[in-house]
Amino acid sequence: MSVSQQVRKLCPVCGMAMKVVPDRTGRGGDRYVCPACDDDPLHDPAARKWVDSPLHPPAK
């Protein structure tokens, strides 16, 4: 592998190559985001807990 070739992390959810973006949380540095999963709200752990909860709309 040449030095100019970058190693890309793969998304643990979908397996696509992730991209590096600046971290906006104030900690500095960079973070990896998946272009396919980042816009999907169901990949948020808090949203998954809500979706998988026992609460459901009433059955008709």
PDB file of N, CA and C in Angstrom:
ATOM      1  N   MET A   1       0.853  -1.168   0.000  1.00  0.00           N
ATOM      2  CA  MET A   1       0.000   0.000   0.000  1.00  0.00           C
ATOM      3  C   MET A   1       0.896   1.226   0.000  1.00  0.00           C
ATOM      4  N   SER A   2       0.593   2.169  -0.853  1.00  0.00           N
ATOM      5  CA  SER A   2       1.401   3.377  -0.922  1.00  0.00           C
ATOM      6  C   SER A   2       0.986   4.355   0.166  1.00  0.00           C
ATOM      7  N   VAL A   3       1.861   5.295   0.448  1.00  0.00           N
ATOM      8  CA  VAL A   3       1.599   6.278   1.492  1.00  0.00           C
ATOM      9  C   VAL A   3       0.454   7.193   1.091  1.00  0.00           C
ATOM     10  N   SER A   4       0.295   7.471  -0.192  1.00  0.00           N
ATOM     11  CA  SER A   4      -0.747   8.392  -0.640  1.00  0.00           C
ATOM     12  C   SER A   4      -2.143   7.775  -0.601  1.00  0.00           C
ATOM     13  N   GLN A   5      -2.226   6.465  -0.487  1.00  0.00           N
ATOM     14  CA  GLN A   5      -3.525   5.803  -0.440  1.00  0.00           C
ATOM     15  C   GLN A   5      -4.057   5.844   0.991  1.00  0.00           C
ATOM     16  N   GLN A   6      -5.276   6.377   1.168  1.00  0.00           N
ATOM     17  CA  GLN A   6      -5.853   6.500   2.493  1.00  0.00           C
ATOM     18  C   GLN A   6      -6.589   5.223   2.877  1.00  0.00           C
ATOM     19  N   VAL A   7      -6.545   4.903   4.148  1.00  0.00           N
ATOM     20  CA  VAL A   7      -7.293   3.775   4.677  1.00  0.00           C
ATOM     21  C   VAL A   7      -8.653   4.310   5.094  1.00  0.00           C
ATOM     22  N   ARG A   8      -9.719   3.684   4.610  1.00  0.00           N
ATOM     23  CA  ARG A   8     -11.069   4.158   4.900  1.00  0.00           C
ATOM     24  C   ARG A   8     -11.753   3.178   5.832  1.00  0.00           C
ATOM     25  N   LYS A   9     -12.373   3.723   6.864  1.00  0.00           N
ATOM     26  CA  LYS A   9     -13.144   2.887   7.778  1.00  0.00           C
ATOM     27  C   LYS A   9     -14.455   2.514   7.116  1.00  0.00           C
ATOM     28  N   LEU A  10     -14.966   1.337   7.457  1.00  0.00           N
ATOM     29  CA  LEU A  10     -16.255   0.896   6.953  1.00  0.00           C
ATOM     30  C   LEU A  10     -17.305   1.089   8.034  1.00  0.00           C
ATOM     31  N   CYS A  11     -18.510   1.446   7.620  1.00  0.00           N
ATOM     32  CA  CYS A  11     -19.621   1.643   8.539  1.00  0.00           C
ATOM     33  C   CYS A  11     -19.976   0.297   9.167  1.00  0.00           C
ATOM     34  N   PRO A  12     -20.105   0.237  10.500  1.00  0.00           N
ATOM     35  CA  PRO A  12     -20.458  -1.037  11.130  1.00  0.00           C
ATOM     36  C   PRO A  12     -21.898  -1.456  10.866  1.00  0.00           C
ATOM     37  N   VAL A  13     -22.747  -0.527  10.404  1.00  0.00           N
ATOM     38  CA  VAL A  13     -24.156  -0.843  10.154  1.00  0.00           C
ATOM     39  C   VAL A  13     -24.371  -1.347   8.735  1.00  0.00           C
ATOM     40  N   CYS A  14     -23.898  -0.556   7.736  1.00  0.00           N
ATOM     41  CA  CYS A  14     -24.195  -0.909   6.340  1.00  0.00           C
ATOM     42  C   CYS A  14     -22.973  -1.372   5.547  1.00  0.00           C
ATOM     43  N   GLY A  15     -21.753  -1.139   6.051  1.00  0.00           N
ATOM     44  CA  GLY A  15     -20.554  -1.600   5.367  1.00  0.00           C
ATOM     45  C   GLY A  15     -19.998  -0.653   4.320  1.00  0.00           C
ATOM     46  N   MET A  16     -20.623   0.513   4.127  1.00  0.00           N
ATOM     47  CA  MET A  16     -20.111   1.487   3.157  1.00  0.00           C
ATOM     48  C   MET A  16     -18.903   2.215   3.739  1.00  0.00           C
ATOM     49  N   ALA A  17     -18.070   2.779   2.850  1.00  0.00           N
ATOM     50  CA  ALA A  17     -16.916   3.551   3.295  1.00  0.00           C
ATOM     51  C   ALA A  17     -17.393   4.840   3.951  1.00  0.00           C
ATOM     52  N   MET A  18     -16.812   5.147   5.115  1.00  0.00           N
ATOM     53  CA  MET A  18     -17.196   6.349   5.845  1.00  0.00           C
ATOM     54  C   MET A  18     -16.304   7.502   5.423  1.00  0.00           C
ATOM     55  N   LYS A  19     -16.773   8.746   5.653  1.00  0.00           N
ATOM     56  CA  LYS A  19     -15.962   9.908   5.316  1.00  0.00           C
ATOM     57  C   LYS A  19     -15.607  10.666   6.585  1.00  0.00           C
ATOM     58  N   VAL A  20     -14.497  11.393   6.537  1.00  0.00           N
ATOM     59  CA  VAL A  20     -14.013  12.155   7.679  1.00  0.00           C
ATOM     60  C   VAL A  20     -14.578  13.567   7.594  1.00  0.00           C
ATOM     61  N   VAL A  21     -15.171  14.036   8.701  1.00  0.00           N
ATOM     62  CA  VAL A  21     -15.698  15.401   8.783  1.00  0.00           C
ATOM     63  C   VAL A  21     -15.173  16.029  10.068  1.00  0.00           C
ATOM     64  N   PRO A  22     -15.105  17.358  10.125  1.00  0.00           N
ATOM     65  CA  PRO A  22     -14.667  18.007  11.363  1.00  0.00           C
ATOM     66  C   PRO A  22     -15.675  17.766  12.486  1.00  0.00           C
ATOM     67  N   ASP A  23     -15.163  17.580  13.691  1.00  0.00           N
ATOM     68  CA  ASP A  23     -16.021  17.358  14.854  1.00  0.00           C
ATOM     69  C   ASP A  23     -16.528  18.705  15.352  1.00  0.00           C
ATOM     70  N   ARG A  24     -17.856  18.880  15.367  1.00  0.00           N
ATOM     71  CA  ARG A  24     -18.452  20.161  15.757  1.00  0.00           C
ATOM     72  C   ARG A  24     -18.847  20.208  17.229  1.00  0.00           C
ATOM     73  N   THR A  25     -18.469  19.220  18.009  1.00  0.00           N
ATOM     74  CA  THR A  25     -18.859  19.183  19.407  1.00  0.00           C
ATOM     75  C   THR A  25     -17.940  20.008  20.292  1.00  0.00           C
ATOM     76  N   GLY A  26     -16.910  20.592  19.736  1.00  0.00           N
ATOM     77  CA  GLY A  26     -15.995  21.413  20.505  1.00  0.00           C
ATOM     78  C   GLY A  26     -14.789  20.663  21.029  1.00  0.00           C
ATOM     79  N   ARG A  27     -14.723  19.376  20.803  1.00  0.00           N
ATOM     80  CA  ARG A  27     -13.575  18.596  21.255  1.00  0.00           C
ATOM     81  C   ARG A  27     -12.404  18.707  20.292  1.00  0.00           C
ATOM     82  N   GLY A  28     -12.672  19.204  19.091  1.00  0.00           N
ATOM     83  CA  GLY A  28     -11.616  19.296  18.086  1.00  0.00           C
ATOM     84  C   GLY A  28     -11.395  17.969  17.399  1.00  0.00           C
ATOM     85  N   GLY A  29     -10.567  17.979  16.397  1.00  0.00           N
ATOM     86  CA  GLY A  29     -10.275  16.754  15.677  1.00  0.00           C
ATOM     87  C   GLY A  29     -11.327  16.438  14.630  1.00  0.00           C
ATOM     88  N   ASP A  30     -11.290  15.216  14.156  1.00  0.00           N
ATOM     89  CA  ASP A  30     -12.205  14.769  13.117  1.00  0.00           C
ATOM     90  C   ASP A  30     -12.991  13.567  13.615  1.00  0.00           C
ATOM     91  N   ARG A  31     -14.080  13.274  12.912  1.00  0.00           N
ATOM     92  CA  ARG A  31     -14.866  12.080  13.210  1.00  0.00           C
ATOM     93  C   ARG A  31     -15.304  11.464  11.899  1.00  0.00           C
ATOM     94  N   TYR A  32     -15.645  10.190  11.943  1.00  0.00           N
ATOM     95  CA  TYR A  32     -16.110   9.471  10.764  1.00  0.00           C
ATOM     96  C   TYR A  32     -17.635   9.443  10.753  1.00  0.00           C
ATOM     97  N   VAL A  33     -18.217   9.688   9.581  1.00  0.00           N
ATOM     98  CA  VAL A  33     -19.661   9.569   9.411  1.00  0.00           C
ATOM     99  C   VAL A  33     -19.939   8.748   8.160  1.00  0.00           C
ATOM    100  N   CYS A  34     -21.047   8.053   8.176  1.00  0.00           N
ATOM    101  CA  CYS A  34     -21.457   7.257   7.022  1.00  0.00           C
ATOM    102  C   CYS A  34     -22.423   8.088   6.191  1.00  0.00           C
ATOM    103  N   PRO A  35     -22.161   8.287   4.905  1.00  0.00           N
ATOM    104  CA  PRO A  35     -23.077   9.070   4.080  1.00  0.00           C
ATOM    105  C   PRO A  35     -24.437   8.403   3.911  1.00  0.00           C
ATOM    106  N   ALA A  36     -24.525   7.095   4.064  1.00  0.00           N
ATOM    107  CA  ALA A  36     -25.803   6.402   3.896  1.00  0.00           C
ATOM    108  C   ALA A  36     -26.613   6.393   5.188  1.00  0.00           C
ATOM    109  N   CYS A  37     -25.961   6.219   6.320  1.00  0.00           N
ATOM    110  CA  CYS A  37     -26.669   6.070   7.596  1.00  0.00           C
ATOM    111  C   CYS A  37     -26.817   7.371   8.366  1.00  0.00           C
ATOM    112  N   ASP A  38     -25.983   8.361   8.095  1.00  0.00           N
ATOM    113  CA  ASP A  38     -25.972   9.578   8.906  1.00  0.00           C
ATOM    114  C   ASP A  38     -27.293  10.328   8.825  1.00  0.00           C
ATOM    115  N   ASP A  39     -27.975  10.297   7.704  1.00  0.00           N
ATOM    116  CA  ASP A  39     -29.239  11.010   7.562  1.00  0.00           C
ATOM    117  C   ASP A  39     -30.443  10.182   7.983  1.00  0.00           C
ATOM    118  N   ASP A  40     -30.239   8.936   8.342  1.00  0.00           N
ATOM    119  CA  ASP A  40     -31.339   8.059   8.739  1.00  0.00           C
ATOM    120  C   ASP A  40     -31.549   8.152  10.246  1.00  0.00           C
ATOM    121  N   PRO A  41     -32.662   8.725  10.709  1.00  0.00           N
ATOM    122  CA  PRO A  41     -32.861   8.884  12.152  1.00  0.00           C
ATOM    123  C   PRO A  41     -33.006   7.566  12.899  1.00  0.00           C
ATOM    124  N   LEU A  42     -33.324   6.478  12.218  1.00  0.00           N
ATOM    125  CA  LEU A  42     -33.489   5.201  12.908  1.00  0.00           C
ATOM    126  C   LEU A  42     -32.155   4.569  13.297  1.00  0.00           C
ATOM    127  N   HIS A  43     -31.033   5.127  12.839  1.00  0.00           N
ATOM    128  CA  HIS A  43     -29.733   4.619  13.257  1.00  0.00           C
ATOM    129  C   HIS A  43     -29.270   5.278  14.553  1.00  0.00           C
ATOM    130  N   ASP A  44     -30.030   6.251  15.052  1.00  0.00           N
ATOM    131  CA  ASP A  44     -29.728   6.878  16.332  1.00  0.00           C
ATOM    132  C   ASP A  44     -30.142   5.905  17.439  1.00  0.00           C
ATOM    133  N   PRO A  45     -29.264   5.620  18.404  1.00  0.00           N
ATOM    134  CA  PRO A  45     -29.621   4.658  19.455  1.00  0.00           C
ATOM    135  C   PRO A  45     -30.875   5.059  20.246  1.00  0.00           C
ATOM    136  N   ALA A  46     -31.065   6.340  20.482  1.00  0.00           N
ATOM    137  CA  ALA A  46     -32.256   6.783  21.209  1.00  0.00           C
ATOM    138  C   ALA A  46     -33.524   6.503  20.398  1.00  0.00           C
ATOM    139  N   ALA A  47     -33.456   6.710  19.103  1.00  0.00           N
ATOM    140  CA  ALA A  47     -34.612   6.437  18.246  1.00  0.00           C
ATOM    141  C   ALA A  47     -34.881   4.936  18.177  1.00  0.00           C
ATOM    142  N   ARG A  48     -33.842   4.120  18.154  1.00  0.00           N
ATOM    143  CA  ARG A  48     -34.034   2.665  18.108  1.00  0.00           C
ATOM    144  C   ARG A  48     -34.736   2.175  19.368  1.00  0.00           C
ATOM    145  N   LYS A  49     -34.388   2.754  20.533  1.00  0.00           N
ATOM    146  CA  LYS A  49     -35.060   2.357  21.773  1.00  0.00           C
ATOM    147  C   LYS A  49     -36.546   2.687  21.695  1.00  0.00           C
ATOM    148  N   TRP A  50     -36.873   3.829  21.133  1.00  0.00           N
ATOM    149  CA  TRP A  50     -38.267   4.235  21.025  1.00  0.00           C
ATOM    150  C   TRP A  50     -39.023   3.327  20.053  1.00  0.00           C
ATOM    151  N   VAL A  51     -38.414   3.021  18.925  1.00  0.00           N
ATOM    152  CA  VAL A  51     -39.063   2.177  17.921  1.00  0.00           C
ATOM    153  C   VAL A  51     -39.254   0.752  18.444  1.00  0.00           C
ATOM    154  N   ASP A  52     -38.286   0.255  19.183  1.00  0.00           N
ATOM    155  CA  ASP A  52     -38.350  -1.125  19.695  1.00  0.00           C
ATOM    156  C   ASP A  52     -39.104  -1.244  21.012  1.00  0.00           C
ATOM    157  N   SER A  53     -39.652  -0.145  21.510  1.00  0.00           N
ATOM    158  CA  SER A  53     -40.349  -0.180  22.803  1.00  0.00           C
ATOM    159  C   SER A  53     -41.679  -0.940  22.671  1.00  0.00           C
ATOM    160  N   PRO A  54     -42.257  -1.360  23.791  1.00  0.00           N
ATOM    161  CA  PRO A  54     -43.529  -2.084  23.726  1.00  0.00           C
ATOM    162  C   PRO A  54     -44.732  -1.195  23.439  1.00  0.00           C
ATOM    163  N   LEU A  55     -44.545   0.111  23.404  1.00  0.00           N
ATOM    164  CA  LEU A  55     -45.662   1.003  23.125  1.00  0.00           C
ATOM    165  C   LEU A  55     -45.965   1.031  21.629  1.00  0.00           C
ATOM    166  N   HIS A  56     -47.197   0.784  21.280  1.00  0.00           N
ATOM    167  CA  HIS A  56     -47.631   0.777  19.883  1.00  0.00           C
ATOM    168  C   HIS A  56     -49.002   1.443  19.802  1.00  0.00           C
ATOM    169  N   PRO A  57     -49.412   1.914  18.647  1.00  0.00           N
ATOM    170  CA  PRO A  57     -50.752   2.478  18.524  1.00  0.00           C
ATOM    171  C   PRO A  57     -51.806   1.407  18.784  1.00  0.00           C
ATOM    172  N   PRO A  58     -52.992   1.802  19.246  1.00  0.00           N
ATOM    173  CA  PRO A  58     -54.036   0.808  19.511  1.00  0.00           C
ATOM    174  C   PRO A  58     -54.468   0.085  18.232  1.00  0.00           C
ATOM    175  N   ALA A  59     -54.720  -1.196  18.371  1.00  0.00           N
ATOM    176  CA  ALA A  59     -55.195  -1.981  17.225  1.00  0.00           C
ATOM    177  C   ALA A  59     -56.680  -1.739  17.036  1.00  0.00           C
ATOM    178  N   LYS A  60     -57.110  -1.689  15.815  1.00  0.00           N
ATOM    179  CA  LYS A  60     -58.543  -1.447  15.516  1.00  0.00           C
ATOM    180  C   LYS A  60     -59.332  -2.718  15.561  1.00  0.00           C
TER     181      LYS A  60
END
